[in-house]
Amino acid sequence: MRLTKEKAQQIIYKHLIAQVLRNFEIQDGIPVGCILYGVPKDEPCWTARIAPEKTMVGPSRIICISKQTGRIIYDGFTNEE
């Protein structure tokens, strides 16, 4: 079976939608012990920690939104201190 570009897009889209449908909490500021590269620890922001599909050890996905601009300033995995 050859995977077409369109089918790959569908698979990725379903994967991303499944991540969004999981529960997550919004918290004020950057979580204690998290290092978000390029974002100062005192940045006024809201963050959401996205739980992985499976319980596993490793970095968490964090989405960080600036309180000043409303723009996403970080979307990626974090290293924890």
PDB file of N, CA and C in Angstrom:
ATOM      1  N   MET A   1       0.840  -1.182   0.000  1.00  0.00           N
ATOM      2  CA  MET A   1       0.000   0.000   0.000  1.00  0.00           C
ATOM      3  C   MET A   1       0.886   1.248   0.000  1.00  0.00           C
ATOM      4  N   ARG A   2       0.592   2.161  -0.879  1.00  0.00           N
ATOM      5  CA  ARG A   2       1.336   3.420  -0.944  1.00  0.00           C
ATOM      6  C   ARG A   2       0.492   4.499  -0.275  1.00  0.00           C
ATOM      7  N   LEU A   3       1.095   5.220   0.640  1.00  0.00           N
ATOM      8  CA  LEU A   3       0.404   6.283   1.365  1.00  0.00           C
ATOM      9  C   LEU A   3       0.456   7.569   0.563  1.00  0.00           C
ATOM     10  N   THR A   4      -0.710   8.089   0.211  1.00  0.00           N
ATOM     11  CA  THR A   4      -0.761   9.334  -0.544  1.00  0.00           C
ATOM     12  C   THR A   4      -0.619  10.529   0.400  1.00  0.00           C
ATOM     13  N   LYS A   5      -0.317  11.671  -0.159  1.00  0.00           N
ATOM     14  CA  LYS A   5      -0.216  12.905   0.614  1.00  0.00           C
ATOM     15  C   LYS A   5      -1.547  13.213   1.295  1.00  0.00           C
ATOM     16  N   GLU A   6      -2.642  13.044   0.579  1.00  0.00           N
ATOM     17  CA  GLU A   6      -3.969  13.331   1.121  1.00  0.00           C
ATOM     18  C   GLU A   6      -4.296  12.420   2.302  1.00  0.00           C
ATOM     19  N   LYS A   7      -3.976  11.131   2.170  1.00  0.00           N
ATOM     20  CA  LYS A   7      -4.237  10.178   3.264  1.00  0.00           C
ATOM     21  C   LYS A   7      -3.359  10.512   4.469  1.00  0.00           C
ATOM     22  N   ALA A   8      -2.112  10.895   4.222  1.00  0.00           N
ATOM     23  CA  ALA A   8      -1.222  11.293   5.322  1.00  0.00           C
ATOM     24  C   ALA A   8      -1.796  12.496   6.060  1.00  0.00           C
ATOM     25  N   GLN A   9      -2.331  13.465   5.313  1.00  0.00           N
ATOM     26  CA  GLN A   9      -2.952  14.634   5.946  1.00  0.00           C
ATOM     27  C   GLN A   9      -4.137  14.214   6.812  1.00  0.00           C
ATOM     28  N   GLN A  10      -4.950  13.287   6.324  1.00  0.00           N
ATOM     29  CA  GLN A  10      -6.100  12.809   7.093  1.00  0.00           C
ATOM     30  C   GLN A  10      -5.661  12.138   8.387  1.00  0.00           C
ATOM     31  N   ILE A  11      -4.625  11.322   8.316  1.00  0.00           N
ATOM     32  CA  ILE A  11      -4.122  10.616   9.501  1.00  0.00           C
ATOM     33  C   ILE A  11      -3.606  11.617  10.526  1.00  0.00           C
ATOM     34  N   ILE A  12      -2.825  12.587  10.069  1.00  0.00           N
ATOM     35  CA  ILE A  12      -2.276  13.595  10.977  1.00  0.00           C
ATOM     36  C   ILE A  12      -3.396  14.431  11.586  1.00  0.00           C
ATOM     37  N   TYR A  13      -4.376  14.823  10.778  1.00  0.00           N
ATOM     38  CA  TYR A  13      -5.515  15.609  11.264  1.00  0.00           C
ATOM     39  C   TYR A  13      -6.257  14.850  12.366  1.00  0.00           C
ATOM     40  N   LYS A  14      -6.557  13.573  12.147  1.00  0.00           N
ATOM     41  CA  LYS A  14      -7.249  12.768  13.161  1.00  0.00           C
ATOM     42  C   LYS A  14      -6.428  12.664  14.444  1.00  0.00           C
ATOM     43  N   HIS A  15      -5.123  12.510  14.289  1.00  0.00           N
ATOM     44  CA  HIS A  15      -4.235  12.420  15.450  1.00  0.00           C
ATOM     45  C   HIS A  15      -4.269  13.716  16.261  1.00  0.00           C
ATOM     46  N   LEU A  16      -4.192  14.863  15.580  1.00  0.00           N
ATOM     47  CA  LEU A  16      -4.206  16.154  16.270  1.00  0.00           C
ATOM     48  C   LEU A  16      -5.554  16.425  16.926  1.00  0.00           C
ATOM     49  N   ILE A  17      -6.648  16.090  16.254  1.00  0.00           N
ATOM     50  CA  ILE A  17      -7.979  16.272  16.838  1.00  0.00           C
ATOM     51  C   ILE A  17      -8.121  15.418  18.092  1.00  0.00           C
ATOM     52  N   ALA A  18      -7.628  14.205  18.072  1.00  0.00           N
ATOM     53  CA  ALA A  18      -7.696  13.330  19.250  1.00  0.00           C
ATOM     54  C   ALA A  18      -6.953  13.948  20.429  1.00  0.00           C
ATOM     55  N   GLN A  19      -5.851  14.628  20.179  1.00  0.00           N
ATOM     56  CA  GLN A  19      -5.103  15.280  21.260  1.00  0.00           C
ATOM     57  C   GLN A  19      -5.918  16.401  21.869  1.00  0.00           C
ATOM     58  N   VAL A  20      -6.605  17.171  21.042  1.00  0.00           N
ATOM     59  CA  VAL A  20      -7.369  18.314  21.520  1.00  0.00           C
ATOM     60  C   VAL A  20      -8.569  17.868  22.350  1.00  0.00           C
ATOM     61  N   LEU A  21      -9.128  16.712  22.023  1.00  0.00           N
ATOM     62  CA  LEU A  21     -10.320  16.243  22.722  1.00  0.00           C
ATOM     63  C   LEU A  21     -10.036  15.745  24.133  1.00  0.00           C
ATOM     64  N   ARG A  22      -8.788  15.491  24.451  1.00  0.00           N
ATOM     65  CA  ARG A  22      -8.462  15.057  25.818  1.00  0.00           C
ATOM     66  C   ARG A  22      -8.582  16.231  26.774  1.00  0.00           C
ATOM     67  N   ASN A  23      -8.825  15.914  28.026  1.00  0.00           N
ATOM     68  CA  ASN A  23      -8.938  16.965  29.036  1.00  0.00           C
ATOM     69  C   ASN A  23      -7.592  17.640  29.277  1.00  0.00           C
ATOM     70  N   PHE A  24      -7.659  18.929  29.518  1.00  0.00           N
ATOM     71  CA  PHE A  24      -6.472  19.669  29.918  1.00  0.00           C
ATOM     72  C   PHE A  24      -6.925  20.834  30.790  1.00  0.00           C
ATOM     73  N   GLU A  25      -6.008  21.320  31.594  1.00  0.00           N
ATOM     74  CA  GLU A  25      -6.295  22.447  32.474  1.00  0.00           C
ATOM     75  C   GLU A  25      -5.473  23.642  32.052  1.00  0.00           C
ATOM     76  N   ILE A  26      -6.059  24.812  32.199  1.00  0.00           N
ATOM     77  CA  ILE A  26      -5.344  26.060  31.960  1.00  0.00           C
ATOM     78  C   ILE A  26      -4.838  26.556  33.305  1.00  0.00           C
ATOM     79  N   GLN A  27      -3.599  26.975  33.337  1.00  0.00           N
ATOM     80  CA  GLN A  27      -3.070  27.530  34.579  1.00  0.00           C
ATOM     81  C   GLN A  27      -2.401  28.864  34.319  1.00  0.00           C
ATOM     82  N   ASP A  28      -2.332  29.666  35.338  1.00  0.00           N
ATOM     83  CA  ASP A  28      -1.737  30.998  35.261  1.00  0.00           C
ATOM     84  C   ASP A  28      -0.224  30.878  35.345  1.00  0.00           C
ATOM     85  N   GLY A  29       0.458  31.305  34.306  1.00  0.00           N
ATOM     86  CA  GLY A  29       1.917  31.294  34.300  1.00  0.00           C
ATOM     87  C   GLY A  29       2.502  29.965  33.856  1.00  0.00           C
ATOM     88  N   ILE A  30       3.807  29.922  33.877  1.00  0.00           N
ATOM     89  CA  ILE A  30       4.539  28.722  33.488  1.00  0.00           C
ATOM     90  C   ILE A  30       4.586  27.780  34.687  1.00  0.00           C
ATOM     91  N   PRO A  31       4.269  26.503  34.495  1.00  0.00           N
ATOM     92  CA  PRO A  31       4.276  25.565  35.619  1.00  0.00           C
ATOM     93  C   PRO A  31       5.643  25.519  36.313  1.00  0.00           C
ATOM     94  N   VAL A  32       5.597  25.402  37.625  1.00  0.00           N
ATOM     95  CA  VAL A  32       6.821  25.313  38.422  1.00  0.00           C
ATOM     96  C   VAL A  32       7.633  24.110  37.953  1.00  0.00           C
ATOM     97  N   GLY A  33       8.907  24.335  37.746  1.00  0.00           N
ATOM     98  CA  GLY A  33       9.802  23.260  37.340  1.00  0.00           C
ATOM     99  C   GLY A  33       9.889  23.045  35.844  1.00  0.00           C
ATOM    100  N   CYS A  34       9.106  23.780  35.053  1.00  0.00           N
ATOM    101  CA  CYS A  34       9.147  23.626  33.598  1.00  0.00           C
ATOM    102  C   CYS A  34      10.087  24.645  32.981  1.00  0.00           C
ATOM    103  N   ILE A  35      10.792  24.206  31.955  1.00  0.00           N
ATOM    104  CA  ILE A  35      11.672  25.085  31.192  1.00  0.00           C
ATOM    105  C   ILE A  35      11.094  25.162  29.785  1.00  0.00           C
ATOM    106  N   LEU A  36      10.659  26.360  29.405  1.00  0.00           N
ATOM    107  CA  LEU A  36      10.148  26.583  28.051  1.00  0.00           C
ATOM    108  C   LEU A  36      11.166  27.435  27.321  1.00  0.00           C
ATOM    109  N   TYR A  37      11.903  26.837  26.418  1.00  0.00           N
ATOM    110  CA  TYR A  37      12.979  27.545  25.734  1.00  0.00           C
ATOM    111  C   TYR A  37      12.445  28.757  24.983  1.00  0.00           C
ATOM    112  N   GLY A  38      13.054  29.907  25.231  1.00  0.00           N
ATOM    113  CA  GLY A  38      12.661  31.142  24.575  1.00  0.00           C
ATOM    114  C   GLY A  38      11.558  31.905  25.288  1.00  0.00           C
ATOM    115  N   VAL A  39      11.053  31.370  26.406  1.00  0.00           N
ATOM    116  CA  VAL A  39       9.994  32.049  27.165  1.00  0.00           C
ATOM    117  C   VAL A  39      10.525  32.318  28.577  1.00  0.00           C
ATOM    118  N   PRO A  40      10.631  33.592  28.980  1.00  0.00           N
ATOM    119  CA  PRO A  40      11.107  33.899  30.332  1.00  0.00           C
ATOM    120  C   PRO A  40      10.162  33.327  31.393  1.00  0.00           C
ATOM    121  N   LYS A  41      10.732  32.903  32.523  1.00  0.00           N
ATOM    122  CA  LYS A  41       9.932  32.305  33.599  1.00  0.00           C
ATOM    123  C   LYS A  41       8.856  33.252  34.121  1.00  0.00           C
ATOM    124  N   ASP A  42       9.081  34.553  34.028  1.00  0.00           N
ATOM    125  CA  ASP A  42       8.122  35.526  34.557  1.00  0.00           C
ATOM    126  C   ASP A  42       7.181  36.076  33.482  1.00  0.00           C
ATOM    127  N   GLU A  43       7.137  35.438  32.307  1.00  0.00           N
ATOM    128  CA  GLU A  43       6.265  35.874  31.212  1.00  0.00           C
ATOM    129  C   GLU A  43       4.798  35.784  31.651  1.00  0.00           C
ATOM    130  N   PRO A  44       4.031  36.881  31.534  1.00  0.00           N
ATOM    131  CA  PRO A  44       2.611  36.806  31.872  1.00  0.00           C
ATOM    132  C   PRO A  44       1.861  36.002  30.797  1.00  0.00           C
ATOM    133  N   CYS A  45       1.430  34.803  31.163  1.00  0.00           N
ATOM    134  CA  CYS A  45       0.820  33.920  30.176  1.00  0.00           C
ATOM    135  C   CYS A  45      -0.124  32.922  30.836  1.00  0.00           C
ATOM    136  N   TRP A  46      -0.886  32.260  30.000  1.00  0.00           N
ATOM    137  CA  TRP A  46      -1.703  31.115  30.397  1.00  0.00           C
ATOM    138  C   TRP A  46      -1.064  29.889  29.754  1.00  0.00           C
ATOM    139  N   THR A  47      -1.041  28.777  30.476  1.00  0.00           N
ATOM    140  CA  THR A  47      -0.471  27.563  29.898  1.00  0.00           C
ATOM    141  C   THR A  47      -1.441  26.396  30.051  1.00  0.00           C
ATOM    142  N   ALA A  48      -1.330  25.482  29.119  1.00  0.00           N
ATOM    143  CA  ALA A  48      -2.091  24.232  29.168  1.00  0.00           C
ATOM    144  C   ALA A  48      -1.108  23.088  28.991  1.00  0.00           C
ATOM    145  N   ARG A  49      -1.216  22.110  29.858  1.00  0.00           N
ATOM    146  CA  ARG A  49      -0.404  20.895  29.736  1.00  0.00           C
ATOM    147  C   ARG A  49      -1.304  19.846  29.077  1.00  0.00           C
ATOM    148  N   ILE A  50      -0.891  19.343  27.931  1.00  0.00           N
ATOM    149  CA  ILE A  50      -1.677  18.371  27.181  1.00  0.00           C
ATOM    150  C   ILE A  50      -1.210  16.973  27.558  1.00  0.00           C
ATOM    151  N   ALA A  51      -2.130  16.183  28.082  1.00  0.00           N
ATOM    152  CA  ALA A  51      -1.789  14.827  28.512  1.00  0.00           C
ATOM    153  C   ALA A  51      -1.519  13.938  27.301  1.00  0.00           C
ATOM    154  N   PRO A  52      -0.527  13.057  27.401  1.00  0.00           N
ATOM    155  CA  PRO A  52      -0.266  12.133  26.293  1.00  0.00           C
ATOM    156  C   PRO A  52      -1.393  11.103  26.183  1.00  0.00           C
ATOM    157  N   GLU A  53      -1.503  10.474  25.003  1.00  0.00           N
ATOM    158  CA  GLU A  53      -2.519   9.443  24.796  1.00  0.00           C
ATOM    159  C   GLU A  53      -2.350   8.297  25.777  1.00  0.00           C
ATOM    160  N   LYS A  54      -1.116   7.904  25.977  1.00  0.00           N
ATOM    161  CA  LYS A  54      -0.807   6.782  26.865  1.00  0.00           C
ATOM    162  C   LYS A  54      -0.024   7.307  28.053  1.00  0.00           C
ATOM    163  N   THR A  55      -0.198   6.675  29.194  1.00  0.00           N
ATOM    164  CA  THR A  55       0.587   7.042  30.362  1.00  0.00           C
ATOM    165  C   THR A  55       2.037   6.651  30.099  1.00  0.00           C
ATOM    166  N   MET A  56       2.913   7.643  30.186  1.00  0.00           N
ATOM    167  CA  MET A  56       4.322   7.377  29.927  1.00  0.00           C
ATOM    168  C   MET A  56       5.189   8.402  30.646  1.00  0.00           C
ATOM    169  N   VAL A  57       6.424   8.046  30.813  1.00  0.00           N
ATOM    170  CA  VAL A  57       7.389   8.945  31.430  1.00  0.00           C
ATOM    171  C   VAL A  57       8.065   9.727  30.313  1.00  0.00           C
ATOM    172  N   GLY A  58       8.240  11.019  30.540  1.00  0.00           N
ATOM    173  CA  GLY A  58       8.893  11.835  29.533  1.00  0.00           C
ATOM    174  C   GLY A  58       8.346  13.240  29.552  1.00  0.00           C
ATOM    175  N   PRO A  59       8.755  14.042  28.586  1.00  0.00           N
ATOM    176  CA  PRO A  59       8.332  15.438  28.566  1.00  0.00           C
ATOM    177  C   PRO A  59       6.844  15.583  28.284  1.00  0.00           C
ATOM    178  N   SER A  60       6.277  16.662  28.791  1.00  0.00           N
ATOM    179  CA  SER A  60       4.870  16.989  28.565  1.00  0.00           C
ATOM    180  C   SER A  60       4.764  18.019  27.449  1.00  0.00           C
ATOM    181  N   ARG A  61       3.658  17.997  26.729  1.00  0.00           N
ATOM    182  CA  ARG A  61       3.407  19.034  25.733  1.00  0.00           C
ATOM    183  C   ARG A  61       2.744  20.203  26.436  1.00  0.00           C
ATOM    184  N   ILE A  62       3.260  21.384  26.176  1.00  0.00           N
ATOM    185  CA  ILE A  62       2.763  22.613  26.782  1.00  0.00           C
ATOM    186  C   ILE A  62       2.398  23.594  25.669  1.00  0.00           C
ATOM    187  N   ILE A  63       1.252  24.255  25.840  1.00  0.00           N
ATOM    188  CA  ILE A  63       0.886  25.366  24.966  1.00  0.00           C
ATOM    189  C   ILE A  63       0.791  26.591  25.857  1.00  0.00           C
ATOM    190  N   CYS A  64       1.495  27.637  25.495  1.00  0.00           N
ATOM    191  CA  CYS A  64       1.596  28.846  26.311  1.00  0.00           C
ATOM    192  C   CYS A  64       1.099  30.034  25.492  1.00  0.00           C
ATOM    193  N   ILE A  65       0.165  30.815  26.070  1.00  0.00           N
ATOM    194  CA  ILE A  65      -0.437  31.957  25.373  1.00  0.00           C
ATOM    195  C   ILE A  65      -0.124  33.239  26.135  1.00  0.00           C
ATOM    196  N   SER A  66       0.397  34.228  25.440  1.00  0.00           N
ATOM    197  CA  SER A  66       0.723  35.515  26.048  1.00  0.00           C
ATOM    198  C   SER A  66      -0.547  36.221  26.511  1.00  0.00           C
ATOM    199  N   LYS A  67      -0.537  36.712  27.742  1.00  0.00           N
ATOM    200  CA  LYS A  67      -1.666  37.493  28.252  1.00  0.00           C
ATOM    201  C   LYS A  67      -1.708  38.871  27.603  1.00  0.00           C
ATOM    202  N   GLN A  68      -0.574  39.349  27.133  1.00  0.00           N
ATOM    203  CA  GLN A  68      -0.508  40.690  26.556  1.00  0.00           C
ATOM    204  C   GLN A  68      -0.980  40.735  25.107  1.00  0.00           C
ATOM    205  N   THR A  69      -0.654  39.704  24.329  1.00  0.00           N
ATOM    206  CA  THR A  69      -0.973  39.740  22.903  1.00  0.00           C
ATOM    207  C   THR A  69      -2.033  38.726  22.476  1.00  0.00           C
ATOM    208  N   GLY A  70      -2.264  37.696  23.297  1.00  0.00           N
ATOM    209  CA  GLY A  70      -3.188  36.634  22.927  1.00  0.00           C
ATOM    210  C   GLY A  70      -2.612  35.651  21.921  1.00  0.00           C
ATOM    211  N   ARG A  71      -1.325  35.773  21.638  1.00  0.00           N
ATOM    212  CA  ARG A  71      -0.665  34.888  20.680  1.00  0.00           C
ATOM    213  C   ARG A  71      -0.038  33.695  21.386  1.00  0.00           C
ATOM    214  N   ILE A  72       0.023  32.590  20.674  1.00  0.00           N
ATOM    215  CA  ILE A  72       0.718  31.412  21.204  1.00  0.00           C
ATOM    216  C   ILE A  72       2.213  31.693  21.139  1.00  0.00           C
ATOM    217  N   ILE A  73       2.848  31.639  22.293  1.00  0.00           N
ATOM    218  CA  ILE A  73       4.279  31.926  22.354  1.00  0.00           C
ATOM    219  C   ILE A  73       5.119  30.660  22.534  1.00  0.00           C
ATOM    220  N   TYR A  74       4.445  29.543  22.815  1.00  0.00           N
ATOM    221  CA  TYR A  74       5.165  28.270  22.930  1.00  0.00           C
ATOM    222  C   TYR A  74       4.178  27.138  22.678  1.00  0.00           C
ATOM    223  N   ASP A  75       4.555  26.210  21.858  1.00  0.00           N
ATOM    224  CA  ASP A  75       3.778  24.995  21.630  1.00  0.00           C
ATOM    225  C   ASP A  75       4.786  23.890  21.371  1.00  0.00           C
ATOM    226  N   GLY A  76       5.007  23.104  22.375  1.00  0.00           N
ATOM    227  CA  GLY A  76       5.997  22.052  22.223  1.00  0.00           C
ATOM    228  C   GLY A  76       6.145  21.265  23.501  1.00  0.00           C
ATOM    229  N   PHE A  77       7.216  20.530  23.548  1.00  0.00           N
ATOM    230  CA  PHE A  77       7.485  19.699  24.710  1.00  0.00           C
ATOM    231  C   PHE A  77       8.394  20.460  25.664  1.00  0.00           C
ATOM    232  N   THR A  78       8.279  20.122  26.919  1.00  0.00           N
ATOM    233  CA  THR A  78       9.047  20.824  27.938  1.00  0.00           C
ATOM    234  C   THR A  78      10.002  19.876  28.641  1.00  0.00           C
ATOM    235  N   ASN A  79      11.094  20.438  29.072  1.00  0.00           N
ATOM    236  CA  ASN A  79      11.989  19.719  29.979  1.00  0.00           C
ATOM    237  C   ASN A  79      11.627  20.187  31.373  1.00  0.00           C
ATOM    238  N   GLU A  80      11.665  19.269  32.305  1.00  0.00           N
ATOM    239  CA  GLU A  80      11.322  19.636  33.664  1.00  0.00           C
ATOM    240  C   GLU A  80      12.583  19.612  34.500  1.00  0.00           C
ATOM    241  N   GLU A  81      12.687  20.612  35.389  1.00  0.00           N
ATOM    242  CA  GLU A  81      13.878  20.722  36.236  1.00  0.00           C
ATOM    243  C   GLU A  81      13.923  19.617  37.260  1.00  0.00           C
TER     244      GLU A  81
END
